[in-house]
Amino acid sequence: MNHPHAAPSPSFWRSRTALIAVGFLAIAGFSLAVEHTAHIFGALPYLLLLACPLLHLFMGGGHGGHGGDHTRHGGSASRPTGEGR
């Protein structure tokens, strides 16, 4: 039955279960970071190399692409010599 005056169920993130899960994950993450610091620092150069193409792929949307109208970005839209109308 639908009760119009029933209180809505609380959000998962405000429940006791979520608080315990977040605490457990924080403790586990800290333990892993402390015990495996050498492995983490050993992987950093590779993570930086991986970040370069990912940033190029996902952050390149604001450049306008190739072959577009360059006049609205302050560029020159002049034609090469020899090409006439």
PDB file of N, CA and C in Angstrom:
ATOM      1  N   MET A   1       0.827  -1.178   0.000  1.00  0.00           N
ATOM      2  CA  MET A   1       0.000   0.000   0.000  1.00  0.00           C
ATOM      3  C   MET A   1       0.871   1.241   0.000  1.00  0.00           C
ATOM      4  N   ASN A   2       0.434   2.241  -0.668  1.00  0.00           N
ATOM      5  CA  ASN A   2       1.137   3.516  -0.671  1.00  0.00           C
ATOM      6  C   ASN A   2       0.555   4.415   0.407  1.00  0.00           C
ATOM      7  N   HIS A   3       1.400   4.836   1.304  1.00  0.00           N
ATOM      8  CA  HIS A   3       0.984   5.753   2.353  1.00  0.00           C
ATOM      9  C   HIS A   3       1.537   7.126   1.999  1.00  0.00           C
ATOM     10  N   PRO A   4       0.691   8.114   1.784  1.00  0.00           N
ATOM     11  CA  PRO A   4       1.180   9.424   1.371  1.00  0.00           C
ATOM     12  C   PRO A   4       2.009  10.127   2.437  1.00  0.00           C
ATOM     13  N   HIS A   5       1.857   9.759   3.704  1.00  0.00           N
ATOM     14  CA  HIS A   5       2.574  10.434   4.774  1.00  0.00           C
ATOM     15  C   HIS A   5       3.747   9.625   5.309  1.00  0.00           C
ATOM     16  N   ALA A   6       4.124   8.550   4.583  1.00  0.00           N
ATOM     17  CA  ALA A   6       5.235   7.701   5.033  1.00  0.00           C
ATOM     18  C   ALA A   6       6.555   8.426   4.789  1.00  0.00           C
ATOM     19  N   ALA A   7       7.480   8.275   5.715  1.00  0.00           N
ATOM     20  CA  ALA A   7       8.795   8.908   5.589  1.00  0.00           C
ATOM     21  C   ALA A   7       9.595   8.187   4.507  1.00  0.00           C
ATOM     22  N   PRO A   8      10.326   8.934   3.669  1.00  0.00           N
ATOM     23  CA  PRO A   8      11.150   8.278   2.640  1.00  0.00           C
ATOM     24  C   PRO A   8      12.286   7.504   3.299  1.00  0.00           C
ATOM     25  N   SER A   9      12.693   6.448   2.620  1.00  0.00           N
ATOM     26  CA  SER A   9      13.794   5.649   3.163  1.00  0.00           C
ATOM     27  C   SER A   9      15.085   6.454   3.108  1.00  0.00           C
ATOM     28  N   PRO A  10      15.950   6.301   4.102  1.00  0.00           N
ATOM     29  CA  PRO A  10      17.197   7.081   4.120  1.00  0.00           C
ATOM     30  C   PRO A  10      18.134   6.653   2.993  1.00  0.00           C
ATOM     31  N   SER A  11      18.977   7.564   2.589  1.00  0.00           N
ATOM     32  CA  SER A  11      19.950   7.304   1.540  1.00  0.00           C
ATOM     33  C   SER A  11      20.961   6.262   2.023  1.00  0.00           C
ATOM     34  N   PHE A  12      21.517   5.501   1.068  1.00  0.00           N
ATOM     35  CA  PHE A  12      22.501   4.487   1.443  1.00  0.00           C
ATOM     36  C   PHE A  12      23.718   5.134   2.088  1.00  0.00           C
ATOM     37  N   TRP A  13      24.149   6.290   1.568  1.00  0.00           N
ATOM     38  CA  TRP A  13      25.367   6.931   2.068  1.00  0.00           C
ATOM     39  C   TRP A  13      25.194   7.486   3.467  1.00  0.00           C
ATOM     40  N   ARG A  14      23.989   7.562   3.971  1.00  0.00           N
ATOM     41  CA  ARG A  14      23.759   8.020   5.341  1.00  0.00           C
ATOM     42  C   ARG A  14      23.469   6.861   6.286  1.00  0.00           C
ATOM     43  N   SER A  15      23.555   5.651   5.778  1.00  0.00           N
ATOM     44  CA  SER A  15      23.260   4.480   6.613  1.00  0.00           C
ATOM     45  C   SER A  15      24.510   4.032   7.378  1.00  0.00           C
ATOM     46  N   ARG A  16      24.291   3.196   8.372  1.00  0.00           N
ATOM     47  CA  ARG A  16      25.390   2.657   9.185  1.00  0.00           C
ATOM     48  C   ARG A  16      26.268   1.731   8.354  1.00  0.00           C
ATOM     49  N   THR A  17      25.663   1.004   7.425  1.00  0.00           N
ATOM     50  CA  THR A  17      26.412   0.086   6.567  1.00  0.00           C
ATOM     51  C   THR A  17      27.425   0.846   5.708  1.00  0.00           C
ATOM     52  N   ALA A  18      27.015   1.976   5.150  1.00  0.00           N
ATOM     53  CA  ALA A  18      27.930   2.762   4.318  1.00  0.00           C
ATOM     54  C   ALA A  18      29.069   3.327   5.155  1.00  0.00           C
ATOM     55  N   LEU A  19      28.771   3.776   6.366  1.00  0.00           N
ATOM     56  CA  LEU A  19      29.811   4.309   7.237  1.00  0.00           C
ATOM     57  C   LEU A  19      30.859   3.241   7.559  1.00  0.00           C
ATOM     58  N   ILE A  20      30.413   2.039   7.841  1.00  0.00           N
ATOM     59  CA  ILE A  20      31.336   0.934   8.131  1.00  0.00           C
ATOM     60  C   ILE A  20      32.147   0.576   6.882  1.00  0.00           C
ATOM     61  N   ALA A  21      31.489   0.539   5.715  1.00  0.00           N
ATOM     62  CA  ALA A  21      32.190   0.199   4.477  1.00  0.00           C
ATOM     63  C   ALA A  21      33.253   1.240   4.137  1.00  0.00           C
ATOM     64  N   VAL A  22      32.922   2.521   4.282  1.00  0.00           N
ATOM     65  CA  VAL A  22      33.894   3.575   3.996  1.00  0.00           C
ATOM     66  C   VAL A  22      35.060   3.509   4.975  1.00  0.00           C
ATOM     67  N   GLY A  23      34.784   3.255   6.248  1.00  0.00           N
ATOM     68  CA  GLY A  23      35.856   3.112   7.239  1.00  0.00           C
ATOM     69  C   GLY A  23      36.769   1.944   6.916  1.00  0.00           C
ATOM     70  N   PHE A  24      36.180   0.812   6.552  1.00  0.00           N
ATOM     71  CA  PHE A  24      36.967  -0.363   6.201  1.00  0.00           C
ATOM     72  C   PHE A  24      37.839  -0.083   4.979  1.00  0.00           C
ATOM     73  N   LEU A  25      37.268   0.553   3.956  1.00  0.00           N
ATOM     74  CA  LEU A  25      38.046   0.849   2.753  1.00  0.00           C
ATOM     75  C   LEU A  25      39.172   1.847   3.034  1.00  0.00           C
ATOM     76  N   ALA A  26      38.933   2.790   3.940  1.00  0.00           N
ATOM     77  CA  ALA A  26      39.986   3.743   4.301  1.00  0.00           C
ATOM     78  C   ALA A  26      41.135   3.038   5.015  1.00  0.00           C
ATOM     79  N   ILE A  27      40.813   2.151   5.938  1.00  0.00           N
ATOM     80  CA  ILE A  27      41.851   1.402   6.655  1.00  0.00           C
ATOM     81  C   ILE A  27      42.605   0.477   5.697  1.00  0.00           C
ATOM     82  N   ALA A  28      41.886  -0.200   4.817  1.00  0.00           N
ATOM     83  CA  ALA A  28      42.535  -1.098   3.861  1.00  0.00           C
ATOM     84  C   ALA A  28      43.422  -0.312   2.898  1.00  0.00           C
ATOM     85  N   GLY A  29      42.959   0.837   2.438  1.00  0.00           N
ATOM     86  CA  GLY A  29      43.762   1.660   1.535  1.00  0.00           C
ATOM     87  C   GLY A  29      45.019   2.178   2.204  1.00  0.00           C
ATOM     88  N   PHE A  30      44.898   2.604   3.446  1.00  0.00           N
ATOM     89  CA  PHE A  30      46.070   3.076   4.180  1.00  0.00           C
ATOM     90  C   PHE A  30      47.076   1.937   4.386  1.00  0.00           C
ATOM     91  N   SER A  31      46.582   0.762   4.753  1.00  0.00           N
ATOM     92  CA  SER A  31      47.471  -0.386   4.955  1.00  0.00           C
ATOM     93  C   SER A  31      48.197  -0.762   3.667  1.00  0.00           C
ATOM     94  N   LEU A  32      47.471  -0.778   2.576  1.00  0.00           N
ATOM     95  CA  LEU A  32      48.110  -1.103   1.297  1.00  0.00           C
ATOM     96  C   LEU A  32      49.141  -0.054   0.906  1.00  0.00           C
ATOM     97  N   ALA A  33      48.830   1.218   1.147  1.00  0.00           N
ATOM     98  CA  ALA A  33      49.759   2.285   0.787  1.00  0.00           C
ATOM     99  C   ALA A  33      51.034   2.205   1.623  1.00  0.00           C
ATOM    100  N   VAL A  34      50.901   1.871   2.904  1.00  0.00           N
ATOM    101  CA  VAL A  34      52.076   1.806   3.781  1.00  0.00           C
ATOM    102  C   VAL A  34      52.936   0.589   3.448  1.00  0.00           C
ATOM    103  N   GLU A  35      52.308  -0.548   3.246  1.00  0.00           N
ATOM    104  CA  GLU A  35      53.052  -1.791   3.032  1.00  0.00           C
ATOM    105  C   GLU A  35      53.618  -1.920   1.622  1.00  0.00           C
ATOM    106  N   HIS A  36      53.025  -1.252   0.661  1.00  0.00           N
ATOM    107  CA  HIS A  36      53.442  -1.434  -0.727  1.00  0.00           C
ATOM    108  C   HIS A  36      53.900  -0.113  -1.352  1.00  0.00           C
ATOM    109  N   THR A  37      54.534   0.722  -0.580  1.00  0.00           N
ATOM    110  CA  THR A  37      54.996   2.021  -1.072  1.00  0.00           C
ATOM    111  C   THR A  37      55.979   1.866  -2.230  1.00  0.00           C
ATOM    112  N   ALA A  38      56.870   0.912  -2.130  1.00  0.00           N
ATOM    113  CA  ALA A  38      57.861   0.706  -3.199  1.00  0.00           C
ATOM    114  C   ALA A  38      57.180   0.337  -4.516  1.00  0.00           C
ATOM    115  N   HIS A  39      56.133  -0.469  -4.451  1.00  0.00           N
ATOM    116  CA  HIS A  39      55.417  -0.847  -5.669  1.00  0.00           C
ATOM    117  C   HIS A  39      54.674   0.353  -6.256  1.00  0.00           C
ATOM    118  N   ILE A  40      54.109   1.164  -5.381  1.00  0.00           N
ATOM    119  CA  ILE A  40      53.365   2.334  -5.853  1.00  0.00           C
ATOM    120  C   ILE A  40      54.308   3.316  -6.540  1.00  0.00           C
ATOM    121  N   PHE A  41      55.450   3.615  -5.900  1.00  0.00           N
ATOM    122  CA  PHE A  41      56.404   4.538  -6.500  1.00  0.00           C
ATOM    123  C   PHE A  41      57.034   3.958  -7.755  1.00  0.00           C
ATOM    124  N   GLY A  42      57.156   2.651  -7.820  1.00  0.00           N
ATOM    125  CA  GLY A  42      57.696   2.013  -9.023  1.00  0.00           C
ATOM    126  C   GLY A  42      56.756   2.123 -10.209  1.00  0.00           C
ATOM    127  N   ALA A  43      55.449   2.237  -9.942  1.00  0.00           N
ATOM    128  CA  ALA A  43      54.471   2.326 -11.022  1.00  0.00           C
ATOM    129  C   ALA A  43      54.217   3.759 -11.465  1.00  0.00           C
ATOM    130  N   LEU A  44      54.673   4.749 -10.717  1.00  0.00           N
ATOM    131  CA  LEU A  44      54.386   6.148 -11.051  1.00  0.00           C
ATOM    132  C   LEU A  44      54.868   6.569 -12.436  1.00  0.00           C
ATOM    133  N   PRO A  45      56.085   6.215 -12.874  1.00  0.00           N
ATOM    134  CA  PRO A  45      56.484   6.626 -14.233  1.00  0.00           C
ATOM    135  C   PRO A  45      55.562   6.064 -15.316  1.00  0.00           C
ATOM    136  N   TYR A  46      55.114   4.843 -15.134  1.00  0.00           N
ATOM    137  CA  TYR A  46      54.216   4.248 -16.118  1.00  0.00           C
ATOM    138  C   TYR A  46      52.844   4.913 -16.080  1.00  0.00           C
ATOM    139  N   LEU A  47      52.380   5.297 -14.896  1.00  0.00           N
ATOM    140  CA  LEU A  47      51.104   5.986 -14.791  1.00  0.00           C
ATOM    141  C   LEU A  47      51.165   7.361 -15.440  1.00  0.00           C
ATOM    142  N   LEU A  48      52.296   8.040 -15.312  1.00  0.00           N
ATOM    143  CA  LEU A  48      52.456   9.330 -15.987  1.00  0.00           C
ATOM    144  C   LEU A  48      52.459   9.163 -17.502  1.00  0.00           C
ATOM    145  N   LEU A  49      53.134   8.134 -17.992  1.00  0.00           N
ATOM    146  CA  LEU A  49      53.137   7.875 -19.431  1.00  0.00           C
ATOM    147  C   LEU A  49      51.752   7.503 -19.935  1.00  0.00           C
ATOM    148  N   LEU A  50      50.992   6.798 -19.123  1.00  0.00           N
ATOM    149  CA  LEU A  50      49.626   6.433 -19.493  1.00  0.00           C
ATOM    150  C   LEU A  50      48.711   7.650 -19.457  1.00  0.00           C
ATOM    151  N   ALA A  51      48.978   8.596 -18.564  1.00  0.00           N
ATOM    152  CA  ALA A  51      48.125   9.773 -18.434  1.00  0.00           C
ATOM    153  C   ALA A  51      48.231  10.680 -19.658  1.00  0.00           C
ATOM    154  N   CYS A  52      49.370  10.714 -20.309  1.00  0.00           N
ATOM    155  CA  CYS A  52      49.548  11.614 -21.461  1.00  0.00           C
ATOM    156  C   CYS A  52      48.557  11.315 -22.591  1.00  0.00           C
ATOM    157  N   PRO A  53      48.477  10.082 -23.105  1.00  0.00           N
ATOM    158  CA  PRO A  53      47.503   9.853 -24.184  1.00  0.00           C
ATOM    159  C   PRO A  53      46.064   9.957 -23.698  1.00  0.00           C
ATOM    160  N   LEU A  54      45.811   9.602 -22.443  1.00  0.00           N
ATOM    161  CA  LEU A  54      44.446   9.718 -21.942  1.00  0.00           C
ATOM    162  C   LEU A  54      44.020  11.176 -21.850  1.00  0.00           C
ATOM    163  N   LEU A  55      44.912  12.050 -21.385  1.00  0.00           N
ATOM    164  CA  LEU A  55      44.590  13.468 -21.338  1.00  0.00           C
ATOM    165  C   LEU A  55      44.409  14.027 -22.742  1.00  0.00           C
ATOM    166  N   HIS A  56      45.231  13.590 -23.669  1.00  0.00           N
ATOM    167  CA  HIS A  56      45.108  14.047 -25.046  1.00  0.00           C
ATOM    168  C   HIS A  56      43.773  13.598 -25.632  1.00  0.00           C
ATOM    169  N   LEU A  57      43.350  12.395 -25.313  1.00  0.00           N
ATOM    170  CA  LEU A  57      42.112  11.843 -25.846  1.00  0.00           C
ATOM    171  C   LEU A  57      40.891  12.538 -25.248  1.00  0.00           C
ATOM    172  N   PHE A  58      40.873  12.711 -23.930  1.00  0.00           N
ATOM    173  CA  PHE A  58      39.673  13.215 -23.277  1.00  0.00           C
ATOM    174  C   PHE A  58      39.639  14.729 -23.126  1.00  0.00           C
ATOM    175  N   MET A  59      40.777  15.402 -23.139  1.00  0.00           N
ATOM    176  CA  MET A  59      40.789  16.839 -22.909  1.00  0.00           C
ATOM    177  C   MET A  59      40.956  17.644 -24.203  1.00  0.00           C
ATOM    178  N   GLY A  60      40.994  17.010 -25.345  1.00  0.00           N
ATOM    179  CA  GLY A  60      41.220  17.708 -26.594  1.00  0.00           C
ATOM    180  C   GLY A  60      39.968  18.246 -27.240  1.00  0.00           C
ATOM    181  N   GLY A  61      38.829  18.174 -26.610  1.00  0.00           N
ATOM    182  CA  GLY A  61      37.574  18.598 -27.215  1.00  0.00           C
ATOM    183  C   GLY A  61      37.452  20.093 -27.416  1.00  0.00           C
ATOM    184  N   GLY A  62      38.192  20.902 -26.696  1.00  0.00           N
ATOM    185  CA  GLY A  62      38.048  22.337 -26.804  1.00  0.00           C
ATOM    186  C   GLY A  62      38.896  22.973 -27.875  1.00  0.00           C
ATOM    187  N   HIS A  63      39.605  22.215 -28.688  1.00  0.00           N
ATOM    188  CA  HIS A  63      40.501  22.788 -29.680  1.00  0.00           C
ATOM    189  C   HIS A  63      39.807  23.089 -31.002  1.00  0.00           C
ATOM    190  N   GLY A  64      38.613  22.614 -31.205  1.00  0.00           N
ATOM    191  CA  GLY A  64      37.884  22.938 -32.422  1.00  0.00           C
ATOM    192  C   GLY A  64      38.135  22.008 -33.588  1.00  0.00           C
ATOM    193  N   GLY A  65      39.001  21.052 -33.461  1.00  0.00           N
ATOM    194  CA  GLY A  65      39.237  20.099 -34.536  1.00  0.00           C
ATOM    195  C   GLY A  65      40.134  20.651 -35.623  1.00  0.00           C
ATOM    196  N   HIS A  66      40.289  19.900 -36.694  1.00  0.00           N
ATOM    197  CA  HIS A  66      41.157  20.271 -37.804  1.00  0.00           C
ATOM    198  C   HIS A  66      40.316  20.779 -38.959  1.00  0.00           C
ATOM    199  N   GLY A  67      40.830  21.762 -39.655  1.00  0.00           N
ATOM    200  CA  GLY A  67      40.180  22.242 -40.868  1.00  0.00           C
ATOM    201  C   GLY A  67      38.967  23.119 -40.626  1.00  0.00           C
ATOM    202  N   GLY A  68      38.760  23.605 -39.451  1.00  0.00           N
ATOM    203  CA  GLY A  68      37.609  24.443 -39.159  1.00  0.00           C
ATOM    204  C   GLY A  68      37.858  25.894 -39.506  1.00  0.00           C
ATOM    205  N   ASP A  69      36.907  26.740 -39.167  1.00  0.00           N
ATOM    206  CA  ASP A  69      37.013  28.177 -39.399  1.00  0.00           C
ATOM    207  C   ASP A  69      37.874  28.783 -38.302  1.00  0.00           C
ATOM    208  N   HIS A  70      39.081  29.234 -38.652  1.00  0.00           N
ATOM    209  CA  HIS A  70      40.021  29.744 -37.660  1.00  0.00           C
ATOM    210  C   HIS A  70      39.822  31.225 -37.365  1.00  0.00           C
ATOM    211  N   THR A  71      38.944  31.903 -38.097  1.00  0.00           N
ATOM    212  CA  THR A  71      38.777  33.335 -37.901  1.00  0.00           C
ATOM    213  C   THR A  71      38.117  33.658 -36.572  1.00  0.00           C
ATOM    214  N   ARG A  72      37.255  32.808 -36.067  1.00  0.00           N
ATOM    215  CA  ARG A  72      36.582  33.116 -34.798  1.00  0.00           C
ATOM    216  C   ARG A  72      37.500  32.925 -33.603  1.00  0.00           C
ATOM    217  N   HIS A  73      38.631  32.264 -33.767  1.00  0.00           N
ATOM    218  CA  HIS A  73      39.592  32.076 -32.680  1.00  0.00           C
ATOM    219  C   HIS A  73      40.750  33.060 -32.774  1.00  0.00           C
ATOM    220  N   GLY A  74      40.640  34.039 -33.648  1.00  0.00           N
ATOM    221  CA  GLY A  74      41.692  35.032 -33.771  1.00  0.00           C
ATOM    222  C   GLY A  74      42.772  34.666 -34.760  1.00  0.00           C
ATOM    223  N   GLY A  75      42.632  33.553 -35.443  1.00  0.00           N
ATOM    224  CA  GLY A  75      43.647  33.135 -36.401  1.00  0.00           C
ATOM    225  C   GLY A  75      43.423  33.789 -37.750  1.00  0.00           C
ATOM    226  N   SER A  76      44.328  33.583 -38.635  1.00  0.00           N
ATOM    227  CA  SER A  76      44.248  34.155 -39.969  1.00  0.00           C
ATOM    228  C   SER A  76      43.573  33.162 -40.898  1.00  0.00           C
ATOM    229  N   ALA A  77      42.649  33.656 -41.700  1.00  0.00           N
ATOM    230  CA  ALA A  77      41.955  32.792 -42.643  1.00  0.00           C
ATOM    231  C   ALA A  77      42.375  33.116 -44.073  1.00  0.00           C
ATOM    232  N   SER A  78      43.576  33.639 -44.255  1.00  0.00           N
ATOM    233  CA  SER A  78      44.033  34.013 -45.592  1.00  0.00           C
ATOM    234  C   SER A  78      44.338  32.774 -46.400  1.00  0.00           C
ATOM    235  N   ARG A  79      44.163  32.927 -47.712  1.00  0.00           N
ATOM    236  CA  ARG A  79      44.428  31.811 -48.612  1.00  0.00           C
ATOM    237  C   ARG A  79      45.863  31.852 -49.078  1.00  0.00           C
ATOM    238  N   PRO A  80      46.420  30.692 -49.404  1.00  0.00           N
ATOM    239  CA  PRO A  80      47.769  30.684 -49.959  1.00  0.00           C
ATOM    240  C   PRO A  80      47.792  31.392 -51.308  1.00  0.00           C
ATOM    241  N   THR A  81      48.929  31.901 -51.674  1.00  0.00           N
ATOM    242  CA  THR A  81      49.048  32.603 -52.951  1.00  0.00           C
ATOM    243  C   THR A  81      48.820  31.630 -54.087  1.00  0.00           C
ATOM    244  N   GLY A  82      48.241  32.146 -55.155  1.00  0.00           N
ATOM    245  CA  GLY A  82      47.986  31.291 -56.307  1.00  0.00           C
ATOM    246  C   GLY A  82      46.574  30.746 -56.324  1.00  0.00           C
ATOM    247  N   GLU A  83      45.854  30.859 -55.250  1.00  0.00           N
ATOM    248  CA  GLU A  83      44.498  30.351 -55.206  1.00  0.00           C
ATOM    249  C   GLU A  83      43.556  31.545 -55.282  1.00  0.00           C
ATOM    250  N   GLY A  84      42.762  31.633 -56.297  1.00  0.00           N
ATOM    251  CA  GLY A  84      41.879  32.768 -56.479  1.00  0.00           C
ATOM    252  C   GLY A  84      40.439  32.335 -56.617  1.00  0.00           C
ATOM    253  N   ARG A  85      39.572  33.330 -56.576  1.00  0.00           N
ATOM    254  CA  ARG A  85      38.151  33.056 -56.776  1.00  0.00           C
ATOM    255  C   ARG A  85      37.705  33.500 -58.118  1.00  0.00           C
TER     256      ARG A  85
END
